[in-house]
Amino acid sequence: AVENRPKRLDLAWGTTEPNTFGTNEFMKWCQKANTECMM
């Protein structure tokens, strides 16, 4: 559930990651973009 996902500090790029977009969202996007995932 998106509302339960934590916000995290991303040390790689110095930003805050809200985690509102994650693994399953990306896989759904891949289906619509007619592509596959390299995880």
ModelCIF file with pLDDT and N, C-alpha, C, O atoms, coordinates in Angstrom:
data_MODEL
#
_entry.id   MODEL 
#
_entity.id                         1 
_entity.type                       polymer 
_entity.pdbx_number_of_molecules   1 
#
_entity_poly.entity_id                      1 
_entity_poly.type                           'polypeptide(L)' 
_entity_poly.nstd_linkage                   no 
_entity_poly.nstd_monomer                   no 
_entity_poly.pdbx_seq_one_letter_code       AVENRPKRLDLAWGTTEPNTFGTNEFMKWCQKANTECMM 
_entity_poly.pdbx_seq_one_letter_code_can   AVENRPKRLDLAWGTTEPNTFGTNEFMKWCQKANTECMM 
_entity_poly.pdbx_strand_id                 A 
#
loop_
_entity_poly_seq.entity_id 
_entity_poly_seq.num 
_entity_poly_seq.mon_id 
_entity_poly_seq.hetero 
1 1  ALA n 
1 2  VAL n 
1 3  GLU n 
1 4  ASN n 
1 5  ARG n 
1 6  PRO n 
1 7  LYS n 
1 8  ARG n 
1 9  LEU n 
1 10 ASP n 
1 11 LEU n 
1 12 ALA n 
1 13 TRP n 
1 14 GLY n 
1 15 THR n 
1 16 THR n 
1 17 GLU n 
1 18 PRO n 
1 19 ASN n 
1 20 THR n 
1 21 PHE n 
1 22 GLY n 
1 23 THR n 
1 24 ASN n 
1 25 GLU n 
1 26 PHE n 
1 27 MET n 
1 28 LYS n 
1 29 TRP n 
1 30 CYS n 
1 31 GLN n 
1 32 LYS n 
1 33 ALA n 
1 34 ASN n 
1 35 THR n 
1 36 GLU n 
1 37 CYS n 
1 38 MET n 
1 39 MET n 
#
_struct_asym.id          A 
_struct_asym.entity_id   1 
#
loop_
_ma_qa_metric.id 
_ma_qa_metric.mode 
_ma_qa_metric.name 
_ma_qa_metric.software_group_id 
_ma_qa_metric.type 
1 global pLDDT . pLDDT 
2 local  pLDDT . pLDDT 
#
_ma_qa_metric_global.metric_id      1 
_ma_qa_metric_global.metric_value   97.82 
_ma_qa_metric_global.model_id       1 
_ma_qa_metric_global.ordinal_id     1 
#
loop_
_ma_qa_metric_local.label_asym_id 
_ma_qa_metric_local.label_comp_id 
_ma_qa_metric_local.label_seq_id 
_ma_qa_metric_local.metric_id 
_ma_qa_metric_local.metric_value 
_ma_qa_metric_local.model_id 
_ma_qa_metric_local.ordinal_id 
A ALA 1  2 97.00 1 1  
A VAL 2  2 97.00 1 2  
A GLU 3  2 97.00 1 3  
A ASN 4  2 97.00 1 4  
A ARG 5  2 98.00 1 5  
A PRO 6  2 98.00 1 6  
A LYS 7  2 98.00 1 7  
A ARG 8  2 98.00 1 8  
A LEU 9  2 98.00 1 9  
A ASP 10 2 98.00 1 10 
A LEU 11 2 98.00 1 11 
A ALA 12 2 97.00 1 12 
A TRP 13 2 97.00 1 13 
A GLY 14 2 97.00 1 14 
A THR 15 2 98.00 1 15 
A THR 16 2 98.00 1 16 
A GLU 17 2 98.00 1 17 
A PRO 18 2 98.00 1 18 
A ASN 19 2 98.00 1 19 
A THR 20 2 98.00 1 20 
A PHE 21 2 98.00 1 21 
A GLY 22 2 98.00 1 22 
A THR 23 2 98.00 1 23 
A ASN 24 2 98.00 1 24 
A GLU 25 2 98.00 1 25 
A PHE 26 2 98.00 1 26 
A MET 27 2 98.00 1 27 
A LYS 28 2 98.00 1 28 
A TRP 29 2 98.00 1 29 
A CYS 30 2 98.00 1 30 
A GLN 31 2 98.00 1 31 
A LYS 32 2 98.00 1 32 
A ALA 33 2 98.00 1 33 
A ASN 34 2 98.00 1 34 
A THR 35 2 98.00 1 35 
A GLU 36 2 98.00 1 36 
A CYS 37 2 98.00 1 37 
A MET 38 2 98.00 1 38 
A MET 39 2 98.00 1 39 
#
loop_
_atom_site.group_PDB 
_atom_site.id 
_atom_site.type_symbol 
_atom_site.label_atom_id 
_atom_site.label_alt_id 
_atom_site.label_comp_id 
_atom_site.label_asym_id 
_atom_site.label_entity_id 
_atom_site.label_seq_id 
_atom_site.pdbx_PDB_ins_code 
_atom_site.Cartn_x 
_atom_site.Cartn_y 
_atom_site.Cartn_z 
_atom_site.occupancy 
_atom_site.B_iso_or_equiv 
_atom_site.pdbx_formal_charge 
_atom_site.auth_seq_id 
_atom_site.auth_comp_id 
_atom_site.auth_asym_id 
_atom_site.auth_atom_id 
_atom_site.pdbx_PDB_model_num 
ATOM 1   N N  . ALA A 1 1  ? 0.837  -1.203 0.000   1.00 97.00 ? 1  ALA A N  1 
ATOM 2   C CA . ALA A 1 1  ? 0.000  0.000  0.000   1.00 97.00 ? 1  ALA A CA 1 
ATOM 3   C C  . ALA A 1 1  ? 0.876  1.259  0.000   1.00 97.00 ? 1  ALA A C  1 
ATOM 4   O O  . ALA A 1 1  ? 1.776  1.400  0.828   1.00 97.00 ? 1  ALA A O  1 
ATOM 5   N N  . VAL A 1 2  ? 0.602  2.156  -0.927  1.00 97.00 ? 2  VAL A N  1 
ATOM 6   C CA . VAL A 1 2  ? 1.431  3.352  -1.086  1.00 97.00 ? 2  VAL A CA 1 
ATOM 7   C C  . VAL A 1 2  ? 1.434  4.186  0.185   1.00 97.00 ? 2  VAL A C  1 
ATOM 8   O O  . VAL A 1 2  ? 2.465  4.747  0.557   1.00 97.00 ? 2  VAL A O  1 
ATOM 9   N N  . GLU A 1 3  ? 0.285  4.272  0.856   1.00 97.00 ? 3  GLU A N  1 
ATOM 10  C CA . GLU A 1 3  ? 0.196  5.116  2.052   1.00 97.00 ? 3  GLU A CA 1 
ATOM 11  C C  . GLU A 1 3  ? 1.047  4.597  3.198   1.00 97.00 ? 3  GLU A C  1 
ATOM 12  O O  . GLU A 1 3  ? 1.316  5.327  4.153   1.00 97.00 ? 3  GLU A O  1 
ATOM 13  N N  . ASN A 1 4  ? 1.472  3.343  3.113   1.00 97.00 ? 4  ASN A N  1 
ATOM 14  C CA . ASN A 1 4  ? 2.295  2.766  4.187   1.00 97.00 ? 4  ASN A CA 1 
ATOM 15  C C  . ASN A 1 4  ? 3.791  2.766  3.855   1.00 97.00 ? 4  ASN A C  1 
ATOM 16  O O  . ASN A 1 4  ? 4.606  2.326  4.666   1.00 97.00 ? 4  ASN A O  1 
ATOM 17  N N  . ARG A 1 5  ? 4.138  3.244  2.704   1.00 98.00 ? 5  ARG A N  1 
ATOM 18  C CA . ARG A 1 5  ? 5.542  3.187  2.298   1.00 98.00 ? 5  ARG A CA 1 
ATOM 19  C C  . ARG A 1 5  ? 6.338  4.328  2.947   1.00 98.00 ? 5  ARG A C  1 
ATOM 20  O O  . ARG A 1 5  ? 5.859  5.460  3.019   1.00 98.00 ? 5  ARG A O  1 
ATOM 21  N N  . PRO A 1 6  ? 7.544  4.025  3.416   1.00 98.00 ? 6  PRO A N  1 
ATOM 22  C CA . PRO A 1 6  ? 8.343  5.054  4.088   1.00 98.00 ? 6  PRO A CA 1 
ATOM 23  C C  . PRO A 1 6  ? 9.077  5.961  3.110   1.00 98.00 ? 6  PRO A C  1 
ATOM 24  O O  . PRO A 1 6  ? 9.431  5.546  2.006   1.00 98.00 ? 6  PRO A O  1 
ATOM 25  N N  . LYS A 1 7  ? 9.298  7.189  3.522   1.00 98.00 ? 7  LYS A N  1 
ATOM 26  C CA . LYS A 1 7  ? 10.203 8.070  2.785   1.00 98.00 ? 7  LYS A CA 1 
ATOM 27  C C  . LYS A 1 7  ? 11.619 7.799  3.271   1.00 98.00 ? 7  LYS A C  1 
ATOM 28  O O  . LYS A 1 7  ? 11.850 7.630  4.468   1.00 98.00 ? 7  LYS A O  1 
ATOM 29  N N  . ARG A 1 8  ? 12.568 7.758  2.336   1.00 98.00 ? 8  ARG A N  1 
ATOM 30  C CA . ARG A 1 8  ? 13.953 7.464  2.697   1.00 98.00 ? 8  ARG A CA 1 
ATOM 31  C C  . ARG A 1 8  ? 14.896 8.519  2.118   1.00 98.00 ? 8  ARG A C  1 
ATOM 32  O O  . ARG A 1 8  ? 14.634 9.090  1.059   1.00 98.00 ? 8  ARG A O  1 
ATOM 33  N N  . LEU A 1 9  ? 15.988 8.766  2.826   1.00 98.00 ? 9  LEU A N  1 
ATOM 34  C CA . LEU A 1 9  ? 17.042 9.606  2.278   1.00 98.00 ? 9  LEU A CA 1 
ATOM 35  C C  . LEU A 1 9  ? 17.859 8.768  1.305   1.00 98.00 ? 9  LEU A C  1 
ATOM 36  O O  . LEU A 1 9  ? 18.353 7.695  1.653   1.00 98.00 ? 9  LEU A O  1 
ATOM 37  N N  . ASP A 1 10 ? 17.991 9.269  0.089   1.00 98.00 ? 10 ASP A N  1 
ATOM 38  C CA . ASP A 1 10 ? 18.803 8.584  -0.916  1.00 98.00 ? 10 ASP A CA 1 
ATOM 39  C C  . ASP A 1 10 ? 20.204 9.186  -0.880  1.00 98.00 ? 10 ASP A C  1 
ATOM 40  O O  . ASP A 1 10 ? 20.423 10.302 -1.350  1.00 98.00 ? 10 ASP A O  1 
ATOM 41  N N  . LEU A 1 11 ? 21.143 8.437  -0.320  1.00 98.00 ? 11 LEU A N  1 
ATOM 42  C CA . LEU A 1 11 ? 22.507 8.942  -0.170  1.00 98.00 ? 11 LEU A CA 1 
ATOM 43  C C  . LEU A 1 11 ? 23.244 9.020  -1.494  1.00 98.00 ? 11 LEU A C  1 
ATOM 44  O O  . LEU A 1 11 ? 24.227 9.751  -1.610  1.00 98.00 ? 11 LEU A O  1 
ATOM 45  N N  . ALA A 1 12 ? 22.787 8.281  -2.493  1.00 97.00 ? 12 ALA A N  1 
ATOM 46  C CA . ALA A 1 12 ? 23.480 8.301  -3.791  1.00 97.00 ? 12 ALA A CA 1 
ATOM 47  C C  . ALA A 1 12 ? 23.376 9.666  -4.441  1.00 97.00 ? 12 ALA A C  1 
ATOM 48  O O  . ALA A 1 12 ? 24.355 10.158 -5.002  1.00 97.00 ? 12 ALA A O  1 
ATOM 49  N N  . TRP A 1 13 ? 22.199 10.292 -4.375  1.00 97.00 ? 13 TRP A N  1 
ATOM 50  C CA . TRP A 1 13 ? 21.972 11.545 -5.097  1.00 97.00 ? 13 TRP A CA 1 
ATOM 51  C C  . TRP A 1 13 ? 21.546 12.690 -4.190  1.00 97.00 ? 13 TRP A C  1 
ATOM 52  O O  . TRP A 1 13 ? 21.227 13.774 -4.677  1.00 97.00 ? 13 TRP A O  1 
ATOM 53  N N  . GLY A 1 14 ? 21.536 12.465 -2.864  1.00 97.00 ? 14 GLY A N  1 
ATOM 54  C CA . GLY A 1 14 ? 21.258 13.549 -1.933  1.00 97.00 ? 14 GLY A CA 1 
ATOM 55  C C  . GLY A 1 14 ? 19.830 14.051 -1.966  1.00 97.00 ? 14 GLY A C  1 
ATOM 56  O O  . GLY A 1 14 ? 19.580 15.237 -1.752  1.00 97.00 ? 14 GLY A O  1 
ATOM 57  N N  . THR A 1 15 ? 18.889 13.154 -2.233  1.00 98.00 ? 15 THR A N  1 
ATOM 58  C CA . THR A 1 15 ? 17.484 13.539 -2.318  1.00 98.00 ? 15 THR A CA 1 
ATOM 59  C C  . THR A 1 15 ? 16.644 12.674 -1.383  1.00 98.00 ? 15 THR A C  1 
ATOM 60  O O  . THR A 1 15 ? 17.160 11.778 -0.715  1.00 98.00 ? 15 THR A O  1 
ATOM 61  N N  . THR A 1 16 ? 15.346 12.955 -1.346  1.00 98.00 ? 16 THR A N  1 
ATOM 62  C CA . THR A 1 16 ? 14.409 12.139 -0.577  1.00 98.00 ? 16 THR A CA 1 
ATOM 63  C C  . THR A 1 16 ? 13.596 11.287 -1.528  1.00 98.00 ? 16 THR A C  1 
ATOM 64  O O  . THR A 1 16 ? 12.992 11.799 -2.471  1.00 98.00 ? 16 THR A O  1 
ATOM 65  N N  . GLU A 1 17 ? 13.581 9.987  -1.280  1.00 98.00 ? 17 GLU A N  1 
ATOM 66  C CA . GLU A 1 17 ? 12.815 9.056  -2.109  1.00 98.00 ? 17 GLU A CA 1 
ATOM 67  C C  . GLU A 1 17 ? 11.472 8.792  -1.419  1.00 98.00 ? 17 GLU A C  1 
ATOM 68  O O  . GLU A 1 17 ? 11.449 8.246  -0.316  1.00 98.00 ? 17 GLU A O  1 
ATOM 69  N N  . PRO A 1 18 ? 10.341 9.175  -2.058  1.00 98.00 ? 18 PRO A N  1 
ATOM 70  C CA . PRO A 1 18 ? 9.035  8.990  -1.418  1.00 98.00 ? 18 PRO A CA 1 
ATOM 71  C C  . PRO A 1 18 ? 8.499  7.570  -1.528  1.00 98.00 ? 18 PRO A C  1 
ATOM 72  O O  . PRO A 1 18 ? 7.589  7.194  -0.788  1.00 98.00 ? 18 PRO A O  1 
ATOM 73  N N  . ASN A 1 19 ? 9.049  6.779  -2.437  1.00 98.00 ? 19 ASN A N  1 
ATOM 74  C CA . ASN A 1 19 ? 8.633  5.389  -2.643  1.00 98.00 ? 19 ASN A CA 1 
ATOM 75  C C  . ASN A 1 19 ? 7.174  5.251  -3.070  1.00 98.00 ? 19 ASN A C  1 
ATOM 76  O O  . ASN A 1 19 ? 6.569  4.196  -2.875  1.00 98.00 ? 19 ASN A O  1 
ATOM 77  N N  . THR A 1 20 ? 6.607  6.300  -3.648  1.00 98.00 ? 20 THR A N  1 
ATOM 78  C CA . THR A 1 20 ? 5.254  6.171  -4.195  1.00 98.00 ? 20 THR A CA 1 
ATOM 79  C C  . THR A 1 20 ? 5.251  5.415  -5.524  1.00 98.00 ? 20 THR A C  1 
ATOM 80  O O  . THR A 1 20 ? 4.203  4.978  -6.000  1.00 98.00 ? 20 THR A O  1 
ATOM 81  N N  . PHE A 1 21 ? 6.418  5.271  -6.105  1.00 98.00 ? 21 PHE A N  1 
ATOM 82  C CA . PHE A 1 21 ? 6.603  4.471  -7.316  1.00 98.00 ? 21 PHE A CA 1 
ATOM 83  C C  . PHE A 1 21 ? 7.655  3.416  -7.001  1.00 98.00 ? 21 PHE A C  1 
ATOM 84  O O  . PHE A 1 21 ? 8.775  3.739  -6.605  1.00 98.00 ? 21 PHE A O  1 
ATOM 85  N N  . GLY A 1 22 ? 7.282  2.148  -7.182  1.00 98.00 ? 22 GLY A N  1 
ATOM 86  C CA . GLY A 1 22 ? 8.205  1.067  -6.857  1.00 98.00 ? 22 GLY A CA 1 
ATOM 87  C C  . GLY A 1 22 ? 8.157  -0.055 -7.869  1.00 98.00 ? 22 GLY A C  1 
ATOM 88  O O  . GLY A 1 22 ? 7.825  0.147  -9.037  1.00 98.00 ? 22 GLY A O  1 
ATOM 89  N N  . THR A 1 23 ? 8.494  -1.242 -7.398  1.00 98.00 ? 23 THR A N  1 
ATOM 90  C CA . THR A 1 23 ? 8.701  -2.387 -8.285  1.00 98.00 ? 23 THR A CA 1 
ATOM 91  C C  . THR A 1 23 ? 7.467  -2.734 -9.104  1.00 98.00 ? 23 THR A C  1 
ATOM 92  O O  . THR A 1 23 ? 7.560  -2.866 -10.325 1.00 98.00 ? 23 THR A O  1 
ATOM 93  N N  . ASN A 1 24 ? 6.322  -2.884 -8.465  1.00 98.00 ? 24 ASN A N  1 
ATOM 94  C CA . ASN A 1 24 ? 5.121  -3.277 -9.205  1.00 98.00 ? 24 ASN A CA 1 
ATOM 95  C C  . ASN A 1 24 ? 4.635  -2.178 -10.138 1.00 98.00 ? 24 ASN A C  1 
ATOM 96  O O  . ASN A 1 24 ? 4.125  -2.458 -11.223 1.00 98.00 ? 24 ASN A O  1 
ATOM 97  N N  . GLU A 1 25 ? 4.793  -0.926 -9.714  1.00 98.00 ? 25 GLU A N  1 
ATOM 98  C CA . GLU A 1 25 ? 4.439  0.178  -10.614 1.00 98.00 ? 25 GLU A CA 1 
ATOM 99  C C  . GLU A 1 25 ? 5.311  0.149  -11.863 1.00 98.00 ? 25 GLU A C  1 
ATOM 100 O O  . GLU A 1 25 ? 4.831  0.363  -12.976 1.00 98.00 ? 25 GLU A O  1 
ATOM 101 N N  . PHE A 1 26 ? 6.602  -0.119 -11.661 1.00 98.00 ? 26 PHE A N  1 
ATOM 102 C CA . PHE A 1 26 ? 7.479  -0.167 -12.824 1.00 98.00 ? 26 PHE A CA 1 
ATOM 103 C C  . PHE A 1 26 ? 7.098  -1.316 -13.745 1.00 98.00 ? 26 PHE A C  1 
ATOM 104 O O  . PHE A 1 26 ? 7.105  -1.154 -14.966 1.00 98.00 ? 26 PHE A O  1 
ATOM 105 N N  . MET A 1 27 ? 6.766  -2.475 -13.185 1.00 98.00 ? 27 MET A N  1 
ATOM 106 C CA . MET A 1 27 ? 6.388  -3.609 -14.019 1.00 98.00 ? 27 MET A CA 1 
ATOM 107 C C  . MET A 1 27 ? 5.106  -3.324 -14.793 1.00 98.00 ? 27 MET A C  1 
ATOM 108 O O  . MET A 1 27 ? 4.980  -3.744 -15.943 1.00 98.00 ? 27 MET A O  1 
ATOM 109 N N  . LYS A 1 28 ? 4.161  -2.625 -14.193 1.00 98.00 ? 28 LYS A N  1 
ATOM 110 C CA . LYS A 1 28 ? 2.947  -2.231 -14.912 1.00 98.00 ? 28 LYS A CA 1 
ATOM 111 C C  . LYS A 1 28 ? 3.285  -1.249 -16.027 1.00 98.00 ? 28 LYS A C  1 
ATOM 112 O O  . LYS A 1 28 ? 2.728  -1.319 -17.123 1.00 98.00 ? 28 LYS A O  1 
ATOM 113 N N  . TRP A 1 29 ? 4.211  -0.327 -15.731 1.00 98.00 ? 29 TRP A N  1 
ATOM 114 C CA . TRP A 1 29 ? 4.634  0.617  -16.772 1.00 98.00 ? 29 TRP A CA 1 
ATOM 115 C C  . TRP A 1 29 ? 5.288  -0.127 -17.936 1.00 98.00 ? 29 TRP A C  1 
ATOM 116 O O  . TRP A 1 29 ? 5.037  0.203  -19.095 1.00 98.00 ? 29 TRP A O  1 
ATOM 117 N N  . CYS A 1 30 ? 6.121  -1.123 -17.645 1.00 98.00 ? 30 CYS A N  1 
ATOM 118 C CA . CYS A 1 30 ? 6.770  -1.906 -18.704 1.00 98.00 ? 30 CYS A CA 1 
ATOM 119 C C  . CYS A 1 30 ? 5.736  -2.543 -19.625 1.00 98.00 ? 30 CYS A C  1 
ATOM 120 O O  . CYS A 1 30 ? 5.913  -2.551 -20.844 1.00 98.00 ? 30 CYS A O  1 
ATOM 121 N N  . GLN A 1 31 ? 4.670  -3.070 -19.058 1.00 98.00 ? 31 GLN A N  1 
ATOM 122 C CA . GLN A 1 31 ? 3.624  -3.670 -19.879 1.00 98.00 ? 31 GLN A CA 1 
ATOM 123 C C  . GLN A 1 31 ? 3.026  -2.653 -20.834 1.00 98.00 ? 31 GLN A C  1 
ATOM 124 O O  . GLN A 1 31 ? 2.800  -2.953 -22.007 1.00 98.00 ? 31 GLN A O  1 
ATOM 125 N N  . LYS A 1 32 ? 2.770  -1.459 -20.338 1.00 98.00 ? 32 LYS A N  1 
ATOM 126 C CA . LYS A 1 32 ? 2.157  -0.428 -21.182 1.00 98.00 ? 32 LYS A CA 1 
ATOM 127 C C  . LYS A 1 32 ? 3.140  0.140  -22.195 1.00 98.00 ? 32 LYS A C  1 
ATOM 128 O O  . LYS A 1 32 ? 2.737  0.580  -23.272 1.00 98.00 ? 32 LYS A O  1 
ATOM 129 N N  . ALA A 1 33 ? 4.421  0.136  -21.859 1.00 98.00 ? 33 ALA A N  1 
ATOM 130 C CA . ALA A 1 33 ? 5.446  0.652  -22.773 1.00 98.00 ? 33 ALA A CA 1 
ATOM 131 C C  . ALA A 1 33 ? 5.975  -0.431 -23.704 1.00 98.00 ? 33 ALA A C  1 
ATOM 132 O O  . ALA A 1 33 ? 6.895  -0.185 -24.485 1.00 98.00 ? 33 ALA A O  1 
ATOM 133 N N  . ASN A 1 34 ? 5.398  -1.633 -23.626 1.00 98.00 ? 34 ASN A N  1 
ATOM 134 C CA . ASN A 1 34 ? 5.789  -2.744 -24.500 1.00 98.00 ? 34 ASN A CA 1 
ATOM 135 C C  . ASN A 1 34 ? 7.270  -3.063 -24.373 1.00 98.00 ? 34 ASN A C  1 
ATOM 136 O O  . ASN A 1 34 ? 7.978  -3.216 -25.368 1.00 98.00 ? 34 ASN A O  1 
ATOM 137 N N  . THR A 1 35 ? 7.721  -3.160 -23.131 1.00 98.00 ? 35 THR A N  1 
ATOM 138 C CA . THR A 1 35 ? 9.129  -3.455 -22.884 1.00 98.00 ? 35 THR A CA 1 
ATOM 139 C C  . THR A 1 35 ? 9.229  -4.447 -21.734 1.00 98.00 ? 35 THR A C  1 
ATOM 140 O O  . THR A 1 35 ? 8.227  -4.777 -21.099 1.00 98.00 ? 35 THR A O  1 
ATOM 141 N N  . GLU A 1 36 ? 10.440 -4.919 -21.470 1.00 98.00 ? 36 GLU A N  1 
ATOM 142 C CA . GLU A 1 36 ? 10.692 -5.845 -20.376 1.00 98.00 ? 36 GLU A CA 1 
ATOM 143 C C  . GLU A 1 36 ? 11.651 -5.203 -19.374 1.00 98.00 ? 36 GLU A C  1 
ATOM 144 O O  . GLU A 1 36 ? 12.330 -4.223 -19.681 1.00 98.00 ? 36 GLU A O  1 
ATOM 145 N N  . CYS A 1 37 ? 11.688 -5.771 -18.182 1.00 98.00 ? 37 CYS A N  1 
ATOM 146 C CA . CYS A 1 37 ? 12.522 -5.225 -17.105 1.00 98.00 ? 37 CYS A CA 1 
ATOM 147 C C  . CYS A 1 37 ? 13.850 -5.949 -17.004 1.00 98.00 ? 37 CYS A C  1 
ATOM 148 O O  . CYS A 1 37 ? 13.913 -7.177 -17.064 1.00 98.00 ? 37 CYS A O  1 
ATOM 149 N N  . MET A 1 38 ? 14.913 -5.166 -16.849 1.00 98.00 ? 38 MET A N  1 
ATOM 150 C CA . MET A 1 38 ? 16.228 -5.668 -16.463 1.00 98.00 ? 38 MET A CA 1 
ATOM 151 C C  . MET A 1 38 ? 16.443 -5.187 -15.035 1.00 98.00 ? 38 MET A C  1 
ATOM 152 O O  . MET A 1 38 ? 16.809 -4.032 -14.819 1.00 98.00 ? 38 MET A O  1 
ATOM 153 N N  . MET A 1 39 ? 16.222 -6.055 -14.067 1.00 98.00 ? 39 MET A N  1 
ATOM 154 C CA . MET A 1 39 ? 16.179 -5.657 -12.659 1.00 98.00 ? 39 MET A CA 1 
ATOM 155 C C  . MET A 1 39 ? 17.567 -5.705 -12.019 1.00 98.00 ? 39 MET A C  1 
ATOM 156 O O  . MET A 1 39 ? 17.711 -5.399 -10.835 1.00 98.00 ? 39 MET A O  1 
#
